[in-house]
């Protein structure tokens, strides 16, 4: 869990893949650079546009765990705009390397599977 936090905090990231239930929405985040800060803030910047949200990594003992198969959740929350709200979830971690974070989530409503990949810049 700590290793995942340290990796996320170690530099700037871009979204290289975002599949939301039934369509690829990666292009909604073209040009954005994401920074996972130690204080729990998550900042997306594209030129003069700055979008701020929150992030955390929690284990199965956390109150916001969705009871999914993974013991560790990668939590992302953005209150707005709508494209960024789509990223808000308690993601299950597929894999974490020094240069890539791959996440997935099975949607409760329609049962679709979402995928989110960050790659270090």
N, C-alpha and C. Protein backbone atom coordinates (compact mmCIF):
# COMPACT_ATOMS: atom_id res chain seq x y z
N UNK A 1 0.83 -1.19 0.00
CA UNK A 1 0.00 0.00 0.00
C UNK A 1 0.88 1.26 0.00
N UNK A 2 1.88 1.29 0.90
CA UNK A 2 2.78 2.44 0.96
C UNK A 2 3.57 2.60 -0.34
N UNK A 3 3.96 1.47 -0.92
CA UNK A 3 4.71 1.51 -2.18
C UNK A 3 3.86 2.14 -3.29
N UNK A 4 2.58 1.80 -3.33
CA UNK A 4 1.68 2.39 -4.33
C UNK A 4 1.56 3.89 -4.12
N UNK A 5 1.44 4.33 -2.86
CA UNK A 5 1.36 5.76 -2.57
C UNK A 5 2.64 6.47 -3.02
N UNK A 6 3.79 5.88 -2.67
CA UNK A 6 5.07 6.49 -3.03
C UNK A 6 5.23 6.59 -4.54
N UNK A 7 4.84 5.54 -5.25
CA UNK A 7 4.94 5.55 -6.71
C UNK A 7 4.08 6.66 -7.30
N UNK A 8 2.84 6.77 -6.85
CA UNK A 8 1.93 7.80 -7.37
C UNK A 8 2.47 9.20 -7.13
N UNK A 9 3.12 9.40 -5.98
CA UNK A 9 3.62 10.72 -5.61
C UNK A 9 4.93 11.07 -6.30
N UNK A 10 5.52 10.12 -7.01
CA UNK A 10 6.87 10.32 -7.56
C UNK A 10 6.86 10.89 -8.97
N UNK A 11 6.27 12.05 -9.14
CA UNK A 11 6.32 12.69 -10.45
C UNK A 11 4.97 13.03 -11.01
N UNK A 12 4.96 13.34 -12.30
CA UNK A 12 3.74 13.72 -13.01
C UNK A 12 3.28 12.58 -13.90
N UNK A 13 1.96 12.50 -14.10
CA UNK A 13 1.34 11.39 -14.82
C UNK A 13 0.37 11.90 -15.86
N UNK A 14 0.11 11.08 -16.86
CA UNK A 14 -0.94 11.37 -17.84
C UNK A 14 -1.83 10.13 -17.95
N UNK A 15 -3.08 10.36 -18.33
CA UNK A 15 -4.00 9.24 -18.56
C UNK A 15 -3.78 8.75 -19.98
N UNK A 16 -3.38 7.48 -20.10
CA UNK A 16 -3.15 6.91 -21.43
C UNK A 16 -4.28 5.98 -21.84
N UNK A 17 -5.18 5.67 -20.90
CA UNK A 17 -6.34 4.84 -21.25
C UNK A 17 -7.44 5.04 -20.22
N UNK A 18 -8.64 5.37 -20.69
CA UNK A 18 -9.82 5.44 -19.82
C UNK A 18 -11.00 4.87 -20.60
N UNK A 19 -11.45 3.71 -20.17
CA UNK A 19 -12.59 3.03 -20.79
C UNK A 19 -13.72 3.04 -19.79
N UNK A 20 -14.79 3.76 -20.10
CA UNK A 20 -15.92 3.94 -19.18
C UNK A 20 -17.10 3.11 -19.65
N UNK A 21 -17.30 1.96 -19.04
CA UNK A 21 -18.39 1.02 -19.29
C UNK A 21 -18.45 0.49 -20.72
N UNK A 22 -18.68 1.37 -21.68
CA UNK A 22 -18.84 0.87 -23.04
C UNK A 22 -18.12 1.70 -24.09
N UNK A 23 -17.31 2.67 -23.65
CA UNK A 23 -16.60 3.46 -24.67
C UNK A 23 -15.28 4.02 -24.15
N UNK A 24 -14.36 4.19 -25.08
CA UNK A 24 -13.06 4.76 -24.77
C UNK A 24 -13.21 6.28 -24.65
N UNK A 25 -12.88 6.82 -23.47
CA UNK A 25 -12.99 8.26 -23.23
C UNK A 25 -11.64 8.88 -22.90
N UNK A 26 -10.56 8.22 -23.33
CA UNK A 26 -9.21 8.70 -23.05
C UNK A 26 -9.02 10.13 -23.55
N UNK A 27 -9.59 10.46 -24.71
CA UNK A 27 -9.38 11.79 -25.31
C UNK A 27 -9.91 12.93 -24.46
N UNK A 28 -10.79 12.65 -23.49
CA UNK A 28 -11.30 13.71 -22.61
C UNK A 28 -10.19 14.30 -21.74
N UNK A 29 -9.06 13.59 -21.64
CA UNK A 29 -7.99 14.02 -20.73
C UNK A 29 -6.69 14.34 -21.47
N UNK A 30 -6.77 14.45 -22.81
CA UNK A 30 -5.59 14.80 -23.61
C UNK A 30 -5.02 16.13 -23.13
N UNK A 31 -3.71 16.18 -22.94
CA UNK A 31 -3.04 17.42 -22.55
C UNK A 31 -2.99 17.66 -21.06
N UNK A 32 -3.71 16.86 -20.27
CA UNK A 32 -3.70 17.04 -18.82
C UNK A 32 -2.53 16.29 -18.19
N UNK A 33 -1.86 16.96 -17.26
CA UNK A 33 -0.82 16.36 -16.44
C UNK A 33 -1.36 16.24 -15.03
N UNK A 34 -1.24 15.05 -14.43
CA UNK A 34 -1.80 14.80 -13.11
C UNK A 34 -0.68 14.65 -12.08
N UNK A 35 -0.90 15.25 -10.91
CA UNK A 35 0.04 15.15 -9.81
C UNK A 35 -0.71 14.65 -8.57
N UNK A 36 -0.22 13.53 -8.02
CA UNK A 36 -0.77 12.95 -6.79
C UNK A 36 0.05 13.48 -5.63
N UNK A 37 -0.52 14.42 -4.87
CA UNK A 37 0.23 15.07 -3.79
C UNK A 37 0.12 14.31 -2.47
N UNK A 38 1.16 14.49 -1.65
CA UNK A 38 1.24 13.79 -0.37
C UNK A 38 0.09 14.17 0.56
N UNK A 39 -0.46 15.39 0.41
CA UNK A 39 -1.54 15.85 1.27
C UNK A 39 -2.91 15.30 0.86
N UNK A 40 -2.93 14.43 -0.18
CA UNK A 40 -4.19 13.84 -0.61
C UNK A 40 -4.88 14.56 -1.74
N UNK A 41 -4.31 15.68 -2.20
CA UNK A 41 -4.91 16.37 -3.33
C UNK A 41 -4.40 15.75 -4.64
N UNK A 42 -5.27 15.75 -5.62
CA UNK A 42 -4.95 15.27 -6.96
C UNK A 42 -5.23 16.42 -7.92
N UNK A 43 -4.20 16.86 -8.63
CA UNK A 43 -4.33 18.05 -9.46
C UNK A 43 -4.08 17.70 -10.93
N UNK A 44 -5.05 18.08 -11.78
CA UNK A 44 -4.90 17.94 -13.22
C UNK A 44 -4.72 19.30 -13.84
N UNK A 45 -3.66 19.48 -14.63
CA UNK A 45 -3.35 20.78 -15.23
C UNK A 45 -3.20 20.62 -16.74
N UNK A 46 -3.85 21.54 -17.47
CA UNK A 46 -3.71 21.62 -18.92
C UNK A 46 -3.66 23.10 -19.28
N UNK A 47 -2.46 23.62 -19.48
CA UNK A 47 -2.31 25.05 -19.74
C UNK A 47 -2.79 25.87 -18.56
N UNK A 48 -3.79 26.72 -18.78
CA UNK A 48 -4.31 27.57 -17.70
C UNK A 48 -5.46 26.90 -16.94
N UNK A 49 -5.83 25.69 -17.33
CA UNK A 49 -6.92 24.97 -16.66
C UNK A 49 -6.36 24.07 -15.57
N UNK A 50 -6.87 24.25 -14.35
CA UNK A 50 -6.46 23.41 -13.22
C UNK A 50 -7.70 22.81 -12.58
N UNK A 51 -7.72 21.48 -12.45
CA UNK A 51 -8.83 20.77 -11.83
C UNK A 51 -8.27 20.06 -10.60
N UNK A 52 -8.89 20.29 -9.43
CA UNK A 52 -8.37 19.70 -8.20
C UNK A 52 -9.37 18.71 -7.62
N UNK A 53 -8.87 17.56 -7.24
CA UNK A 53 -9.67 16.53 -6.58
C UNK A 53 -8.88 15.95 -5.43
N UNK A 54 -9.25 14.73 -5.04
CA UNK A 54 -8.54 14.06 -3.95
C UNK A 54 -8.23 12.63 -4.37
N UNK A 55 -7.27 12.02 -3.67
CA UNK A 55 -6.91 10.63 -3.93
C UNK A 55 -6.43 10.00 -2.63
N UNK A 56 -6.52 8.68 -2.56
CA UNK A 56 -5.98 7.93 -1.42
C UNK A 56 -5.85 6.47 -1.82
N UNK A 57 -5.04 5.77 -1.07
CA UNK A 57 -4.92 4.32 -1.23
C UNK A 57 -5.35 3.72 0.10
N UNK A 58 -6.36 2.86 0.08
CA UNK A 58 -6.91 2.30 1.32
C UNK A 58 -6.95 0.79 1.24
N UNK A 59 -6.88 0.17 2.42
CA UNK A 59 -6.96 -1.29 2.45
C UNK A 59 -8.37 -1.74 2.79
N UNK A 60 -8.57 -3.04 2.90
CA UNK A 60 -9.91 -3.60 3.08
C UNK A 60 -10.54 -3.22 4.41
N UNK A 61 -9.74 -2.69 5.34
CA UNK A 61 -10.29 -2.28 6.63
C UNK A 61 -10.89 -0.88 6.60
N UNK A 62 -10.75 -0.20 5.47
CA UNK A 62 -11.25 1.16 5.36
C UNK A 62 -12.76 1.17 5.18
N UNK A 63 -13.38 2.24 5.66
CA UNK A 63 -14.84 2.33 5.59
C UNK A 63 -15.35 2.55 4.17
N UNK A 64 -14.50 3.05 3.26
CA UNK A 64 -15.00 3.31 1.91
C UNK A 64 -14.69 2.17 0.94
N UNK A 65 -14.31 1.03 1.48
CA UNK A 65 -14.04 -0.12 0.62
C UNK A 65 -15.33 -0.66 0.04
N UNK A 66 -15.28 -1.05 -1.21
CA UNK A 66 -16.49 -1.53 -1.89
C UNK A 66 -16.69 -3.03 -1.77
N UNK A 67 -15.81 -3.71 -1.04
CA UNK A 67 -15.96 -5.14 -0.88
C UNK A 67 -15.54 -5.93 -2.10
N UNK A 68 -14.81 -5.28 -3.00
CA UNK A 68 -14.36 -5.95 -4.23
C UNK A 68 -13.28 -6.97 -3.94
N UNK A 69 -12.78 -7.56 -5.00
CA UNK A 69 -11.84 -8.66 -4.86
C UNK A 69 -10.47 -8.20 -4.37
N UNK A 70 -10.09 -6.98 -4.64
CA UNK A 70 -8.78 -6.50 -4.25
C UNK A 70 -8.80 -6.02 -2.80
N UNK A 71 -7.71 -6.26 -2.08
CA UNK A 71 -7.61 -5.78 -0.71
C UNK A 71 -7.30 -4.29 -0.65
N UNK A 72 -6.74 -3.76 -1.72
CA UNK A 72 -6.33 -2.36 -1.73
C UNK A 72 -7.10 -1.61 -2.81
N UNK A 73 -7.64 -0.44 -2.45
CA UNK A 73 -8.36 0.41 -3.40
C UNK A 73 -7.55 1.68 -3.66
N UNK A 74 -7.59 2.14 -4.89
CA UNK A 74 -7.00 3.41 -5.29
C UNK A 74 -8.17 4.36 -5.50
N UNK A 75 -8.39 5.24 -4.53
CA UNK A 75 -9.58 6.10 -4.52
C UNK A 75 -9.30 7.44 -5.19
N UNK A 76 -10.18 7.82 -6.10
CA UNK A 76 -10.07 9.10 -6.80
C UNK A 76 -11.42 9.81 -6.69
N UNK A 77 -11.38 11.12 -6.41
CA UNK A 77 -12.62 11.89 -6.35
C UNK A 77 -12.42 13.27 -6.96
N UNK A 78 -13.28 13.61 -7.92
CA UNK A 78 -13.38 14.95 -8.47
C UNK A 78 -14.85 15.36 -8.39
N UNK A 79 -15.14 16.56 -7.85
CA UNK A 79 -16.51 17.04 -7.74
C UNK A 79 -17.02 17.58 -9.08
N UNK A 80 -16.12 18.06 -9.93
CA UNK A 80 -16.47 18.60 -11.25
C UNK A 80 -15.17 18.73 -12.04
N UNK A 81 -15.24 18.99 -13.33
CA UNK A 81 -16.37 18.95 -14.25
C UNK A 81 -16.80 17.51 -14.55
N UNK A 82 -17.87 17.33 -15.32
CA UNK A 82 -18.42 15.99 -15.55
C UNK A 82 -17.41 14.95 -16.05
N UNK A 83 -16.52 15.32 -16.98
CA UNK A 83 -15.53 14.35 -17.47
C UNK A 83 -14.66 13.84 -16.32
N UNK A 84 -14.30 14.73 -15.41
CA UNK A 84 -13.46 14.34 -14.29
C UNK A 84 -14.25 13.57 -13.24
N UNK A 85 -15.54 13.89 -13.09
CA UNK A 85 -16.40 13.13 -12.17
C UNK A 85 -16.40 11.65 -12.54
N UNK A 86 -16.27 11.35 -13.84
CA UNK A 86 -16.25 9.96 -14.30
C UNK A 86 -15.07 9.18 -13.71
N UNK A 87 -14.00 9.89 -13.32
CA UNK A 87 -12.83 9.24 -12.73
C UNK A 87 -13.04 8.90 -11.26
N UNK A 88 -14.06 9.49 -10.64
CA UNK A 88 -14.30 9.29 -9.21
C UNK A 88 -14.78 7.87 -8.94
N UNK A 89 -13.98 7.13 -8.19
CA UNK A 89 -14.33 5.75 -7.89
C UNK A 89 -13.34 5.18 -6.88
N UNK A 90 -13.69 4.03 -6.33
CA UNK A 90 -12.75 3.27 -5.52
C UNK A 90 -12.24 2.14 -6.41
N UNK A 91 -11.19 2.46 -7.16
CA UNK A 91 -10.63 1.58 -8.18
C UNK A 91 -9.87 0.42 -7.56
N UNK A 92 -9.97 -0.74 -8.19
CA UNK A 92 -9.13 -1.88 -7.84
C UNK A 92 -7.85 -1.79 -8.65
N UNK A 93 -6.74 -2.14 -8.02
CA UNK A 93 -5.44 -2.03 -8.66
C UNK A 93 -5.15 -3.30 -9.45
N UNK A 94 -4.89 -3.15 -10.75
CA UNK A 94 -4.45 -4.27 -11.58
C UNK A 94 -2.95 -4.44 -11.40
N UNK A 95 -2.20 -3.34 -11.60
CA UNK A 95 -0.75 -3.39 -11.43
C UNK A 95 -0.20 -1.99 -11.22
N UNK A 96 0.94 -1.93 -10.54
CA UNK A 96 1.65 -0.67 -10.32
C UNK A 96 3.13 -0.92 -10.58
N UNK A 97 3.71 -0.13 -11.49
CA UNK A 97 5.15 -0.15 -11.71
C UNK A 97 5.64 1.28 -11.53
N UNK A 98 6.94 1.50 -11.66
CA UNK A 98 7.47 2.85 -11.51
C UNK A 98 6.98 3.81 -12.58
N UNK A 99 6.48 3.27 -13.69
CA UNK A 99 6.07 4.13 -14.79
C UNK A 99 4.61 4.01 -15.20
N UNK A 100 3.86 3.08 -14.56
CA UNK A 100 2.47 2.87 -14.97
C UNK A 100 1.62 2.41 -13.78
N UNK A 101 0.39 2.95 -13.70
CA UNK A 101 -0.60 2.52 -12.71
C UNK A 101 -1.84 2.09 -13.49
N UNK A 102 -2.22 0.81 -13.37
CA UNK A 102 -3.39 0.29 -14.08
C UNK A 102 -4.48 -0.06 -13.08
N UNK A 103 -5.68 0.48 -13.32
CA UNK A 103 -6.80 0.34 -12.40
C UNK A 103 -8.03 -0.19 -13.13
N UNK A 104 -8.94 -0.82 -12.38
CA UNK A 104 -10.18 -1.31 -12.96
C UNK A 104 -11.31 -1.18 -11.94
N UNK A 105 -12.54 -1.16 -12.43
CA UNK A 105 -13.70 -1.12 -11.54
C UNK A 105 -14.89 -1.74 -12.26
N UNK A 106 -15.59 -2.62 -11.57
CA UNK A 106 -16.82 -3.19 -12.11
C UNK A 106 -17.97 -2.32 -11.63
N UNK A 107 -18.69 -1.71 -12.55
CA UNK A 107 -19.78 -0.79 -12.20
C UNK A 107 -20.94 -1.55 -11.58
N UNK A 108 -21.53 -0.93 -10.57
CA UNK A 108 -22.67 -1.56 -9.90
C UNK A 108 -23.94 -1.50 -10.73
N UNK A 109 -24.18 -0.37 -11.38
CA UNK A 109 -25.44 -0.17 -12.10
C UNK A 109 -25.63 -1.07 -13.29
N UNK A 110 -24.76 -0.92 -14.29
CA UNK A 110 -24.95 -1.68 -15.53
C UNK A 110 -24.03 -2.89 -15.63
N UNK A 111 -23.17 -3.07 -14.63
CA UNK A 111 -22.29 -4.23 -14.63
C UNK A 111 -21.13 -4.13 -15.59
N UNK A 112 -20.95 -2.96 -16.22
CA UNK A 112 -19.83 -2.77 -17.13
C UNK A 112 -18.53 -2.67 -16.36
N UNK A 113 -17.42 -2.87 -17.06
CA UNK A 113 -16.12 -2.78 -16.43
C UNK A 113 -15.40 -1.55 -16.96
N UNK A 114 -14.88 -0.73 -16.03
CA UNK A 114 -14.13 0.46 -16.38
C UNK A 114 -12.64 0.19 -16.21
N UNK A 115 -11.83 0.85 -17.02
CA UNK A 115 -10.38 0.73 -16.92
C UNK A 115 -9.76 2.12 -16.95
N UNK A 116 -8.72 2.34 -16.13
CA UNK A 116 -8.03 3.62 -16.07
C UNK A 116 -6.54 3.35 -15.94
N UNK A 117 -5.75 3.95 -16.85
CA UNK A 117 -4.30 3.77 -16.81
C UNK A 117 -3.62 5.14 -16.78
N UNK A 118 -2.73 5.31 -15.80
CA UNK A 118 -1.86 6.48 -15.73
C UNK A 118 -0.45 6.04 -16.11
N UNK A 119 0.24 6.86 -16.91
CA UNK A 119 1.64 6.59 -17.21
C UNK A 119 2.46 7.81 -16.85
N UNK A 120 3.65 7.56 -16.27
CA UNK A 120 4.51 8.65 -15.84
C UNK A 120 5.03 9.41 -17.05
N UNK A 121 5.09 10.72 -16.91
CA UNK A 121 5.59 11.59 -17.98
C UNK A 121 7.10 11.72 -17.85
